Amino acid sequence: MPSQRLRAWQRDAFELYSRREPRDFLTVATPGAGKTTFALTIAADLMHRGVVERVVVVTPTDHLKTQWALAASGLGIRLEPALSGALPPGFDGYCVTYAGLSVNPNGHRVRIDARKTLVILDEVHHAGDSLSWGDAVQEACEGAVRRLSLTGTPFRSDDSPIPFVTYEPQRDGTKQSVADYSYNYGRALRDGVVRPVLFMAYSGQMHWRTRAGDEVAARLGEPLTKDATAQALRTALDPEGSWMPTVLRAAHRRLLEVRRDIPDAGGLVIASDQDSARAYARLLTDLTGERPTVVLSDEAGASGRIAEFSASMSPWMVAVRMVSEGVDVPRLAVGVYATTIATPLFFAQAVGRFVRARRRGETASVFLPSVAGLLALAADLEVERDHVVGRPVKDEDDLFAAEAEMLARAQAGESASAELEQGTYQALGSEADFDRVLFDGGEYAAQISDSLDDDDLDFLGIPGLLEADQVAELLRAKRSKASAAAPRAVTRTAEDVAHERRSELRRELNGLVGAWHHRTGQPHGVTHAQLRTETGGPAAAQATVEQLQRRIDLLRRWALRASG
């Protein structure tokens, strides 16, 4: 009995599950697609038909336990998110973390075996069965009547098999996971279920001192050794340099642009460590005048701070790892990827925080360092990946060896050297400049076009103007018209200020009119004429700052109404 409000992919997957009636079922769906709703619809149906009597949800974090319990209550399923002792009367089941399950797997097995139970394994890639969590999942959930496994990223950073997942042998001797139903980012984007993501890549000149005392200067993203690349990246992310303040300023400008039409839109900075997170928070406080929410995974109350931020109007949150996966903050629209972690798994999880769509025409923006590994991951966002098992991991030494191999492949040699770990490297300074936009697997480099920079892309995130394919079309058109000439230096004088402001507003207005044309097909001249009729004044070339601003504001209102 699926709800009529289910999305098309959820209905398809539900019908497939209902036809098969399987004991084990693996659903792979991109972050933001609605895995929770799909799973709870199955749970409600199984309970209604008497197939199961209890539901147990296993999650990676405490915060997700609460999210699952709240979502389940909307379908009439009562789940206890903080179980201690016996299950209270009136509850249909409970939520537990993988860590909590591993503390007493036999106790959970007794509960699961005592009643006909559906176990939902959320983000099941955490449960590699050579790890303690995997062992606990295997032991506790073996007797479940039904097991429903969910993930948005069905691959791990090692080759430990995931419990209750089917693997098929490959010609190269490896084994590959097989999903019962898959719904990737590309499909979700075409269906309008998720937002398109613009990746704003920033490069710049880096300056650091090596272990030997040598001072090195290099441009972020240019071909370097693996150690030099790691050092350049660390230098860029150093909060004492100029790179991070510049990128945070650009990201905040982008967020303010989005918040003009979506007042509760929020931004997230993902940091490498707690010290950096606190330092970035100070930079944002200086920039915005408002202290951001800071989430450190080992601090008490972290889950509460995420929930508070999600329900607030606060513009920024800074976190280390806790919000990289599974945490649902739909208002996130702008991100800053300020971490050295460059595995496909973490990157996909992090970007997944920004893709949930709330209205038509939205575009998420993620600012990131212009290094080869991250740019490749951004370009491959739509690629489907499965979990590949090459050899068994029997002990801790094998596990670390497999992790090292995976990291070496995924990061293309960008892992930090022992020099960095020993603290002998020292960042001396950094500068940031806009490098390129990545969208829909394509690159649109700033250096080949004076007109293509982050200032010119502000209008792309305005709700109601462009669909995903129209964003790609517009970027391609800009690139095809770009001049290869080197940028010319511009000297600003006091006499130029008014002229430059009018030029800036004319450029913004023309960009919006062009986007409106892509959205509606209406000729540019017709739109300009309508704007002049309603706001008064001469043509845009002769209009005053106030007249241009009124036309911009009016066109934004049109776009907002069109987005419904």
Protein backbone atom coordinates (compact mmCIF):
# COMPACT_ATOMS: atom_id res chain seq x y z
CA MET A 1 0.00 0.00 0.00
CA PRO A 2 2.52 2.65 -1.08
CA SER A 3 1.62 6.28 -0.48
CA GLN A 4 0.44 8.21 -3.49
CA ARG A 5 3.09 10.79 -2.61
CA LEU A 6 5.97 8.45 -3.40
CA ARG A 7 8.34 9.51 -6.13
CA ALA A 8 8.46 7.44 -9.29
CA TRP A 9 11.67 5.61 -8.33
CA GLN A 10 10.27 4.84 -4.85
CA ARG A 11 7.12 3.34 -6.36
CA ASP A 12 9.19 1.26 -8.82
CA ALA A 13 11.44 -0.03 -6.05
CA PHE A 14 8.46 -0.72 -3.77
CA GLU A 15 6.69 -2.68 -6.49
CA LEU A 16 9.85 -4.67 -7.22
CA TYR A 17 10.23 -5.50 -3.53
CA SER A 18 6.56 -6.50 -3.27
CA ARG A 19 6.85 -8.86 -6.24
CA ARG A 20 9.97 -10.56 -4.96
CA GLU A 21 9.18 -10.63 -1.21
CA PRO A 22 12.93 -11.10 -0.53
CA ARG A 23 14.56 -11.71 2.81
CA ASP A 24 17.46 -9.42 1.83
CA PHE A 25 17.17 -6.36 -0.42
CA LEU A 26 19.88 -3.77 -1.19
CA THR A 27 18.73 -0.34 -2.37
CA VAL A 28 21.34 2.08 -3.67
CA ALA A 29 19.95 5.61 -4.08
CA THR A 30 21.77 8.90 -4.33
CA PRO A 31 21.78 11.12 -1.23
CA GLY A 32 18.68 13.27 -1.17
CA ALA A 33 16.57 10.85 -3.21
CA GLY A 34 14.39 9.68 -0.31
CA LYS A 35 15.73 6.33 0.91
CA THR A 36 14.17 6.83 4.35
CA THR A 37 10.66 7.31 2.98
CA PHE A 38 11.05 4.28 0.71
CA ALA A 39 12.22 2.04 3.56
CA LEU A 40 9.52 3.17 5.98
CA THR A 41 6.83 2.61 3.33
CA ILE A 42 8.01 -0.99 3.07
CA ALA A 43 8.05 -1.26 6.86
CA ALA A 44 4.48 0.05 7.13
CA ASP A 45 3.29 -2.37 4.45
CA LEU A 46 4.97 -5.39 6.05
CA MET A 47 3.53 -4.51 9.46
CA HIS A 48 0.07 -3.94 7.97
CA ARG A 49 0.15 -7.39 6.35
CA GLY A 50 1.50 -9.07 9.48
CA VAL A 51 4.72 -10.16 7.80
CA VAL A 52 6.72 -8.43 10.55
CA GLU A 53 5.85 -7.33 14.06
CA ARG A 54 8.87 -5.19 14.89
CA VAL A 55 11.18 -2.76 13.10
CA VAL A 56 14.82 -2.17 14.06
CA VAL A 57 16.79 0.60 12.33
CA VAL A 58 20.60 0.57 12.50
CA THR A 59 22.29 3.91 11.72
CA PRO A 60 25.84 5.32 11.68
CA THR A 61 25.18 8.18 14.16
CA ASP A 62 23.04 9.12 17.14
CA HIS A 63 21.64 12.08 15.21
CA LEU A 64 20.26 9.76 12.54
CA LYS A 65 18.45 7.66 15.15
CA THR A 66 16.34 10.69 16.00
CA GLN A 67 15.76 11.51 12.32
CA TRP A 68 14.54 7.99 11.63
CA ALA A 69 12.21 7.99 14.66
CA LEU A 70 10.66 11.30 13.59
CA ALA A 71 10.20 10.15 10.00
CA ALA A 72 8.66 6.85 11.13
CA SER A 73 6.12 8.61 13.33
CA GLY A 74 4.74 10.28 10.21
CA LEU A 75 3.78 6.82 8.88
CA GLY A 76 2.34 5.64 12.17
CA ILE A 77 5.40 3.63 13.22
CA ARG A 78 6.69 4.35 16.73
CA LEU A 79 10.44 3.80 17.09
CA GLU A 80 12.36 4.40 20.31
CA PRO A 81 15.53 6.38 19.41
CA ALA A 82 17.17 6.07 22.85
CA LEU A 83 16.50 2.49 23.97
CA SER A 84 17.83 1.48 27.37
CA GLY A 85 16.56 -1.79 28.76
CA ALA A 86 13.27 -3.28 27.61
CA LEU A 87 11.30 -1.75 24.76
CA PRO A 88 8.58 0.47 26.29
CA PRO A 89 4.93 -0.48 25.69
CA GLY A 90 3.34 1.00 22.58
CA PHE A 91 6.52 1.08 20.51
CA ASP A 92 6.89 -0.85 17.25
CA GLY A 93 10.67 -1.05 17.43
CA TYR A 94 13.77 1.00 18.06
CA CYS A 95 16.81 2.66 16.50
CA VAL A 96 20.41 1.80 17.35
CA THR A 97 23.79 2.85 15.98
CA TYR A 98 26.29 0.38 14.53
CA ALA A 99 28.54 1.21 17.48
CA GLY A 100 25.69 0.55 19.91
CA LEU A 101 24.91 -2.76 18.22
CA SER A 102 28.53 -3.84 18.55
CA VAL A 103 28.48 -3.29 22.35
CA ASN A 104 25.98 -6.13 22.88
CA PRO A 105 25.16 -7.90 19.61
CA ASN A 106 23.80 -10.97 21.39
CA GLY A 107 21.34 -8.87 23.37
CA HIS A 108 20.02 -7.31 20.17
CA ARG A 109 19.84 -10.74 18.56
CA VAL A 110 17.59 -11.93 21.38
CA ARG A 111 15.25 -9.00 20.76
CA ILE A 112 15.25 -9.51 16.99
CA ASP A 113 14.73 -13.28 17.22
CA ALA A 114 11.89 -12.93 19.75
CA ARG A 115 9.56 -11.23 17.27
CA LYS A 116 9.19 -11.26 13.50
CA THR A 117 11.52 -8.37 12.76
CA LEU A 118 12.43 -6.16 9.82
CA VAL A 119 15.96 -4.79 10.20
CA ILE A 120 16.76 -1.64 8.20
CA LEU A 121 20.52 -1.17 7.78
CA ASP A 122 21.02 2.51 6.97
CA GLU A 123 24.27 3.40 5.14
CA VAL A 124 25.12 -0.30 5.20
CA HIS A 125 28.61 0.23 3.75
CA HIS A 126 29.67 0.85 7.37
CA ALA A 127 29.15 -2.80 8.12
CA GLY A 128 32.22 -4.48 6.61
CA ASP A 129 32.21 -7.89 8.27
CA SER A 130 35.95 -8.00 9.04
CA LEU A 131 35.40 -5.01 11.33
CA SER A 132 33.76 -5.11 14.74
CA TRP A 133 30.65 -3.39 13.42
CA GLY A 134 30.29 -5.94 10.64
CA ASP A 135 30.71 -8.83 13.05
CA ALA A 136 28.03 -7.33 15.28
CA VAL A 137 25.61 -6.81 12.37
CA GLN A 138 26.12 -10.39 11.23
CA GLU A 139 25.50 -11.80 14.70
CA ALA A 140 22.62 -9.57 15.77
CA CYS A 141 20.65 -9.55 12.52
CA GLU A 142 21.09 -13.13 11.33
CA GLY A 143 17.66 -14.17 12.60
CA ALA A 144 15.67 -11.26 11.17
CA VAL A 145 12.68 -12.18 9.00
CA ARG A 146 13.51 -9.35 6.59
CA ARG A 147 16.63 -7.20 6.10
CA LEU A 148 16.52 -4.01 4.04
CA SER A 149 19.92 -2.47 3.33
CA LEU A 150 20.25 1.15 2.20
CA THR A 151 23.16 3.22 0.97
CA GLY A 152 23.93 6.18 -1.23
CA THR A 153 27.55 5.08 -1.63
CA PRO A 154 27.79 1.28 -1.98
CA PHE A 155 31.58 1.21 -1.88
CA ARG A 156 34.08 1.22 0.96
CA SER A 157 37.66 2.39 1.39
CA ASP A 158 38.72 -1.23 1.90
CA ASP A 159 37.64 -4.54 0.40
CA SER A 160 35.88 -6.00 3.44
CA PRO A 161 32.59 -7.65 2.39
CA ILE A 162 29.42 -5.99 3.64
CA PRO A 163 27.05 -8.35 5.51
CA PHE A 164 23.88 -9.48 3.72
CA VAL A 165 25.03 -7.99 0.39
CA THR A 166 25.30 -10.20 -2.71
CA TYR A 167 28.65 -10.24 -4.57
CA GLU A 168 29.22 -11.59 -8.07
CA PRO A 169 32.60 -12.84 -9.37
CA GLN A 170 34.28 -10.67 -12.04
CA ARG A 171 36.68 -11.71 -14.79
CA ASP A 172 39.64 -10.10 -13.03
CA GLY A 173 39.17 -12.30 -9.98
CA THR A 174 37.44 -9.69 -7.86
CA LYS A 175 33.85 -9.76 -6.64
CA GLN A 176 31.42 -6.86 -7.07
CA SER A 177 28.38 -5.92 -5.03
CA VAL A 178 24.99 -6.27 -6.69
CA ALA A 179 22.16 -3.91 -5.82
CA ASP A 180 18.56 -5.05 -6.10
CA TYR A 181 17.53 -1.52 -7.05
CA SER A 182 19.73 1.44 -8.03
CA TYR A 183 18.85 5.11 -8.46
CA ASN A 184 21.92 7.19 -9.16
CA TYR A 185 22.52 10.94 -9.14
CA GLY A 186 22.25 11.24 -12.92
CA ARG A 187 18.73 9.76 -12.96
CA ALA A 188 17.69 11.79 -9.94
CA LEU A 189 18.95 14.98 -11.59
CA ARG A 190 16.99 14.28 -14.76
CA ASP A 191 13.88 13.57 -12.67
CA GLY A 192 14.24 16.84 -10.76
CA VAL A 193 14.58 14.95 -7.47
CA VAL A 194 17.95 16.51 -6.65
CA ARG A 195 19.61 19.83 -7.41
CA PRO A 196 22.32 20.27 -9.98
CA VAL A 197 25.66 21.12 -8.36
CA LEU A 198 28.03 23.81 -9.59
CA PHE A 199 31.59 23.16 -8.40
CA MET A 200 33.50 26.44 -8.02
CA ALA A 201 37.20 25.53 -8.12
CA TYR A 202 39.77 27.97 -6.77
CA SER A 203 43.49 27.89 -7.45
CA GLY A 204 46.15 30.43 -6.42
CA GLN A 205 49.78 30.84 -5.49
CA MET A 206 51.01 28.85 -2.45
CA HIS A 207 54.16 29.43 -0.42
CA TRP A 208 55.52 26.99 2.20
CA ARG A 209 58.70 25.77 3.91
CA THR A 210 59.76 22.11 3.65
CA ARG A 211 61.37 19.86 6.25
CA ALA A 212 64.79 20.69 4.84
CA GLY A 213 64.15 24.40 5.33
CA ASP A 214 63.62 25.14 1.65
CA GLU A 215 60.95 27.65 0.74
CA VAL A 216 58.72 26.54 -2.13
CA ALA A 217 56.26 28.54 -4.23
CA ALA A 218 53.81 26.80 -6.54
CA ARG A 219 50.37 27.25 -8.00
CA LEU A 220 47.66 25.06 -6.52
CA GLY A 221 46.63 22.45 -9.06
CA GLU A 222 49.68 22.56 -11.31
CA PRO A 223 51.55 19.26 -11.88
CA LEU A 224 53.59 18.54 -8.73
CA THR A 225 54.96 15.57 -6.84
CA LYS A 226 52.53 13.89 -4.44
CA ASP A 227 54.20 15.49 -1.42
CA ALA A 228 54.26 18.95 -3.02
CA THR A 229 50.60 18.60 -4.00
CA ALA A 230 49.71 17.67 -0.42
CA GLN A 231 51.74 20.60 0.90
CA ALA A 232 50.14 23.03 -1.54
CA LEU A 233 46.67 21.82 -0.52
CA ARG A 234 47.49 22.13 3.17
CA THR A 235 48.80 25.62 2.54
CA ALA A 236 45.56 26.62 0.80
CA LEU A 237 43.47 25.32 3.70
CA ASP A 238 45.61 27.04 6.34
CA PRO A 239 43.28 29.54 8.07
CA GLU A 240 46.20 31.95 8.57
CA GLY A 241 46.70 32.40 4.82
CA SER A 242 44.67 34.40 2.32
CA TRP A 243 43.19 31.47 0.35
CA MET A 244 40.52 30.43 2.86
CA PRO A 245 39.32 33.98 3.67
CA THR A 246 38.99 34.70 -0.06
CA VAL A 247 37.05 31.50 -0.76
CA LEU A 248 34.83 31.97 2.30
CA ARG A 249 34.09 35.52 1.14
CA ALA A 250 33.10 34.25 -2.33
CA ALA A 251 30.97 31.47 -0.82
CA HIS A 252 29.23 33.91 1.52
CA ARG A 253 28.50 36.24 -1.38
CA ARG A 254 26.97 33.27 -3.20
CA LEU A 255 24.90 32.39 -0.15
CA LEU A 256 23.63 35.95 0.20
CA GLU A 257 22.58 35.85 -3.45
CA VAL A 258 20.59 32.67 -2.86
CA ARG A 259 19.10 33.99 0.39
CA ARG A 260 17.59 36.96 -1.47
CA ASP A 261 15.04 34.49 -2.83
CA ILE A 262 15.36 31.63 -0.31
CA PRO A 263 15.74 33.40 3.05
CA ASP A 264 16.58 30.26 5.05
CA ALA A 265 19.26 28.93 2.66
CA GLY A 266 22.33 27.80 4.58
CA GLY A 267 25.99 27.07 4.00
CA LEU A 268 28.32 24.38 5.32
CA VAL A 269 32.11 24.37 5.63
CA ILE A 270 33.60 20.87 5.91
CA ALA A 271 36.96 21.05 7.72
CA SER A 272 39.81 18.55 8.08
CA ASP A 273 40.13 18.78 11.87
CA GLN A 274 38.72 20.50 14.91
CA ASP A 275 41.36 23.24 15.14
CA SER A 276 40.74 24.22 11.52
CA ALA A 277 36.96 24.13 12.06
CA ARG A 278 37.24 26.56 14.97
CA ALA A 279 39.56 28.82 12.97
CA TYR A 280 37.18 28.85 9.98
CA ALA A 281 34.34 29.72 12.35
CA ARG A 282 36.31 32.75 13.52
CA LEU A 283 36.90 33.83 9.92
CA LEU A 284 33.17 33.55 9.18
CA THR A 285 32.31 35.50 12.31
CA ASP A 286 34.58 38.34 11.19
CA LEU A 287 33.15 38.16 7.67
CA THR A 288 29.45 37.97 8.50
CA GLY A 289 29.16 39.44 11.99
CA GLU A 290 27.39 36.26 13.12
CA ARG A 291 29.02 33.27 14.76
CA PRO A 292 28.34 30.06 12.80
CA THR A 293 27.21 26.80 14.31
CA VAL A 294 30.25 24.62 15.00
CA VAL A 295 29.80 20.84 15.06
CA LEU A 296 32.63 18.67 16.40
CA SER A 297 31.76 14.98 16.42
CA ASP A 298 33.26 14.18 19.80
CA GLU A 299 31.50 16.95 21.70
CA ALA A 300 28.34 16.40 23.70
CA GLY A 301 25.28 17.95 22.09
CA ALA A 302 26.60 17.84 18.53
CA SER A 303 23.40 16.23 17.24
CA GLY A 304 21.34 18.88 18.96
CA ARG A 305 23.34 21.65 17.32
CA ILE A 306 22.74 20.12 13.87
CA ALA A 307 19.00 19.92 14.54
CA GLU A 308 18.96 23.50 15.84
CA PHE A 309 20.82 24.76 12.78
CA SER A 310 18.50 22.84 10.46
CA ALA A 311 15.46 24.57 11.95
CA SER A 312 17.02 28.04 12.14
CA MET A 313 17.76 30.92 9.78
CA SER A 314 21.45 30.95 10.67
CA PRO A 315 23.61 31.26 7.52
CA TRP A 316 26.61 29.03 8.28
CA MET A 317 27.62 25.78 9.93
CA VAL A 318 31.20 24.49 10.23
CA ALA A 319 31.81 20.79 10.87
CA VAL A 320 34.51 18.15 10.68
CA ARG A 321 33.02 14.79 9.70
CA MET A 322 29.69 14.52 11.44
CA VAL A 323 27.55 16.00 8.66
CA SER A 324 29.34 14.29 5.79
CA GLU A 325 26.80 11.48 5.70
CA GLY A 326 23.14 10.83 6.30
CA VAL A 327 22.36 14.09 8.09
CA ASP A 328 19.36 15.77 6.53
CA VAL A 329 19.62 19.58 6.42
CA PRO A 330 17.55 20.39 3.30
CA ARG A 331 18.25 24.13 3.45
CA LEU A 332 21.96 23.68 2.73
CA ALA A 333 22.67 25.34 -0.64
CA VAL A 334 26.32 26.42 -0.52
CA GLY A 335 29.29 24.35 0.60
CA VAL A 336 33.01 24.84 1.09
CA TYR A 337 35.04 21.61 0.79
CA ALA A 338 37.96 22.58 3.04
CA THR A 339 39.35 19.16 3.87
CA THR A 340 42.28 17.09 2.67
CA ILE A 341 40.13 13.94 2.53
CA ALA A 342 39.84 13.00 -1.14
CA THR A 343 38.34 9.51 -1.25
CA PRO A 344 35.36 8.91 -3.55
CA LEU A 345 33.34 7.68 -0.57
CA PHE A 346 33.78 10.78 1.57
CA PHE A 347 33.45 13.19 -1.34
CA ALA A 348 30.16 11.64 -2.49
CA GLN A 349 28.80 11.71 1.05
CA ALA A 350 29.85 15.33 1.56
CA VAL A 351 28.35 16.57 -1.72
CA GLY A 352 25.21 14.63 -0.86
CA ARG A 353 24.48 17.18 1.87
CA PHE A 354 23.73 19.82 -0.78
CA VAL A 355 21.71 18.02 -3.44
CA ARG A 356 18.26 17.79 -1.86
CA ALA A 357 15.85 19.87 -3.96
CA ARG A 358 13.02 21.87 -2.42
CA ARG A 359 11.77 23.77 -5.47
CA ARG A 360 12.33 23.89 -9.23
CA GLY A 361 15.30 25.72 -10.64
CA GLU A 362 17.55 25.48 -7.57
CA THR A 363 21.29 25.03 -8.00
CA ALA A 364 23.71 24.07 -5.24
CA SER A 365 27.24 25.49 -5.19
CA VAL A 366 30.27 23.75 -3.73
CA PHE A 367 33.56 25.67 -3.48
CA LEU A 368 36.67 23.49 -3.52
CA PRO A 369 40.44 23.57 -4.08
CA SER A 370 41.51 23.17 -7.70
CA VAL A 371 43.49 19.93 -7.31
CA ALA A 372 43.33 17.07 -9.77
CA GLY A 373 41.87 14.45 -7.43
CA LEU A 374 38.96 16.59 -6.27
CA LEU A 375 38.24 17.91 -9.76
CA ALA A 376 38.08 14.33 -11.04
CA LEU A 377 35.63 13.36 -8.30
CA ALA A 378 33.48 16.40 -9.09
CA ALA A 379 33.45 15.54 -12.80
CA ASP A 380 32.50 11.92 -12.02
CA LEU A 381 29.65 12.71 -9.63
CA GLU A 382 27.14 10.86 -11.81
CA VAL A 383 29.26 7.70 -12.11
CA GLU A 384 27.71 4.63 -10.51
CA ARG A 385 30.11 2.70 -8.28
CA ASP A 386 29.80 -0.70 -6.69
CA HIS A 387 31.77 -2.25 -3.87
CA VAL A 388 34.63 -4.35 -5.25
CA VAL A 389 36.22 -7.04 -3.12
CA GLY A 390 39.67 -8.06 -4.30
CA ARG A 391 41.08 -10.20 -1.51
CA PRO A 392 39.89 -11.16 1.99
CA VAL A 393 40.97 -9.01 4.91
CA LYS A 394 41.80 -11.36 7.74
CA ASP A 395 43.46 -9.11 10.28
CA GLU A 396 44.31 -5.54 11.15
CA ASP A 397 47.50 -5.51 9.08
CA ASP A 398 45.57 -6.60 6.00
CA LEU A 399 42.95 -3.95 6.67
CA PHE A 400 45.49 -1.14 6.82
CA ALA A 401 47.21 -2.43 3.69
CA ALA A 402 43.93 -2.47 1.77
CA GLU A 403 43.07 1.02 3.01
CA ALA A 404 46.44 2.31 1.84
CA GLU A 405 45.95 0.78 -1.62
CA MET A 406 42.50 2.31 -1.97
CA LEU A 407 43.63 5.72 -0.83
CA ALA A 408 46.54 5.66 -3.23
CA ARG A 409 44.21 4.95 -6.14
CA ALA A 410 41.48 7.36 -5.06
CA GLN A 411 43.64 10.31 -4.16
CA ALA A 412 46.06 9.95 -7.09
CA GLY A 413 49.03 10.44 -4.83
CA GLU A 414 47.61 13.33 -2.82
CA SER A 415 47.90 11.79 0.64
CA ALA A 416 50.05 13.64 3.12
CA SER A 417 53.66 12.53 3.54
CA ALA A 418 55.36 11.66 6.80
CA GLU A 419 56.84 15.16 6.67
CA LEU A 420 53.37 16.63 7.06
CA GLU A 421 52.40 14.22 9.79
CA GLN A 422 55.52 15.10 11.80
CA GLY A 423 54.68 18.79 11.65
CA THR A 424 57.86 19.74 9.82
CA TYR A 425 56.03 21.44 6.97
CA GLN A 426 55.10 25.09 7.50
CA ALA A 427 52.63 27.17 5.51
CA LEU A 428 53.99 30.64 4.79
CA GLY A 429 51.26 32.25 2.71
CA SER A 430 48.59 31.76 0.07
CA GLU A 431 46.50 33.63 -2.43
CA ALA A 432 43.27 32.52 -4.08
CA ASP A 433 41.85 33.12 -7.52
CA PHE A 434 38.88 31.62 -9.32
CA ASP A 435 39.97 28.81 -11.64
CA ARG A 436 36.99 27.05 -13.20
CA VAL A 437 33.42 25.81 -12.90
CA LEU A 438 32.59 22.13 -13.17
CA PHE A 439 29.03 21.17 -14.03
CA ASP A 440 27.45 18.05 -15.49
CA GLY A 441 30.88 16.51 -16.05
CA GLY A 442 32.09 19.54 -18.06
CA GLU A 443 34.73 22.17 -17.28
CA TYR A 444 34.32 25.87 -17.87
CA ALA A 445 37.70 27.43 -17.12
CA ALA A 446 37.95 31.04 -16.02
CA GLN A 447 41.30 31.64 -17.67
CA ILE A 448 39.85 31.24 -21.18
CA SER A 449 37.13 33.84 -20.65
CA ASP A 450 37.22 37.25 -19.06
CA SER A 451 33.44 37.06 -18.71
CA LEU A 452 33.27 33.70 -16.94
CA ASP A 453 34.03 34.10 -13.26
CA ASP A 454 32.16 33.65 -9.98
CA ASP A 455 30.70 37.17 -10.19
CA ASP A 456 29.00 36.31 -13.48
CA LEU A 457 27.59 33.05 -12.16
CA ASP A 458 25.55 34.58 -9.32
CA PHE A 459 22.29 34.39 -11.25
CA LEU A 460 22.63 30.64 -11.89
CA GLY A 461 21.43 29.80 -8.40
CA ILE A 462 18.27 31.89 -8.43
CA PRO A 463 15.19 29.63 -8.05
CA GLY A 464 12.93 29.40 -11.05
CA LEU A 465 15.30 30.61 -13.73
CA LEU A 466 17.03 27.53 -15.11
CA GLU A 467 16.66 23.78 -15.12
CA ALA A 468 19.74 21.56 -15.00
CA ASP A 469 20.06 21.13 -18.76
CA GLN A 470 19.62 24.87 -19.25
CA VAL A 471 22.47 25.62 -16.82
CA ALA A 472 24.76 23.37 -18.87
CA GLU A 473 23.59 24.96 -22.11
CA LEU A 474 24.21 28.46 -20.84
CA LEU A 475 27.69 27.60 -19.57
CA ARG A 476 28.56 25.97 -22.88
CA ALA A 477 27.37 29.07 -24.72
CA LYS A 478 29.53 31.30 -22.54
CA ARG A 479 32.55 29.10 -23.16
CA SER A 480 32.03 28.98 -26.92
CA LYS A 481 31.90 32.79 -27.09
CA ALA A 482 34.87 33.34 -24.79
CA SER A 483 37.97 35.12 -25.97
CA ALA A 484 41.35 33.50 -25.42
CA ALA A 485 42.93 36.90 -24.86
CA ALA A 486 44.69 37.44 -21.52
CA PRO A 487 42.79 39.51 -18.95
CA ARG A 488 43.54 43.20 -19.11
CA ALA A 489 44.41 45.11 -15.96
CA VAL A 490 41.83 47.69 -14.95
CA THR A 491 42.74 50.75 -12.89
CA ARG A 492 39.91 52.07 -10.74
CA THR A 493 39.71 55.76 -9.98
CA ALA A 494 37.23 57.73 -7.91
CA GLU A 495 35.64 59.03 -11.10
CA ASP A 496 35.02 55.47 -12.30
CA VAL A 497 33.00 54.28 -9.29
CA ALA A 498 29.55 55.32 -10.52
CA HIS A 499 30.24 54.06 -14.04
CA GLU A 500 31.52 50.72 -12.74
CA ARG A 501 28.43 50.28 -10.55
CA ARG A 502 26.15 50.86 -13.53
CA SER A 503 28.23 48.44 -15.62
CA GLU A 504 27.99 45.83 -12.89
CA LEU A 505 24.21 46.18 -12.66
CA ARG A 506 23.82 46.11 -16.44
CA ARG A 507 25.84 42.91 -16.55
CA GLU A 508 23.69 41.38 -13.81
CA LEU A 509 20.51 42.47 -15.57
CA ASN A 510 21.65 41.09 -18.91
CA GLY A 511 22.58 37.80 -17.26
CA LEU A 512 19.15 37.54 -15.67
CA VAL A 513 17.40 38.39 -18.93
CA GLY A 514 19.48 35.74 -20.69
CA ALA A 515 18.56 33.19 -18.04
CA TRP A 516 14.89 34.18 -18.35
CA HIS A 517 15.15 33.57 -22.09
CA HIS A 518 16.53 30.07 -21.45
CA ARG A 519 13.71 29.48 -19.00
CA THR A 520 10.79 30.82 -21.04
CA GLY A 521 12.00 31.23 -24.62
CA GLN A 522 10.98 34.89 -24.54
CA PRO A 523 13.29 37.11 -26.64
CA HIS A 524 15.71 39.34 -24.73
CA GLY A 525 14.29 42.51 -26.28
CA VAL A 526 10.74 41.68 -25.23
CA THR A 527 11.85 41.12 -21.63
CA HIS A 528 13.82 44.37 -21.53
CA ALA A 529 10.81 46.24 -22.96
CA GLN A 530 8.46 44.77 -20.31
CA LEU A 531 10.87 45.71 -17.55
CA ARG A 532 11.14 49.29 -18.86
CA THR A 533 7.36 49.58 -19.12
CA GLU A 534 6.84 48.52 -15.51
CA THR A 535 9.76 50.38 -13.90
CA GLY A 536 10.18 53.39 -16.18
CA GLY A 537 13.35 54.96 -17.53
CA PRO A 538 15.46 54.68 -20.67
CA ALA A 539 17.17 51.66 -22.18
CA ALA A 540 19.59 49.76 -19.96
CA ALA A 541 22.63 51.45 -21.51
CA GLN A 542 21.39 54.85 -20.29
CA ALA A 543 19.54 53.76 -17.13
CA THR A 544 20.56 54.95 -13.67
CA VAL A 545 21.71 52.68 -10.85
CA GLU A 546 18.27 52.94 -9.21
CA GLN A 547 16.42 52.10 -12.44
CA LEU A 548 18.64 49.10 -13.14
CA GLN A 549 18.20 47.81 -9.59
CA ARG A 550 14.40 48.08 -9.85
CA ARG A 551 14.46 45.99 -13.05
CA ILE A 552 16.68 43.36 -11.45
CA ASP A 553 14.39 43.11 -8.43
CA LEU A 554 11.30 42.84 -10.65
CA LEU A 555 12.79 40.05 -12.76
CA ARG A 556 13.74 38.17 -9.61
CA ARG A 557 10.13 38.36 -8.45
CA TRP A 558 9.00 36.95 -11.81
CA ALA A 559 11.44 34.06 -11.41
CA LEU A 560 10.29 33.36 -7.87
CA ARG A 561 6.63 33.25 -8.92
CA ALA A 562 7.51 30.98 -11.85
CA SER A 563 9.21 28.50 -9.50
CA GLY A 564 5.90 28.05 -7.71
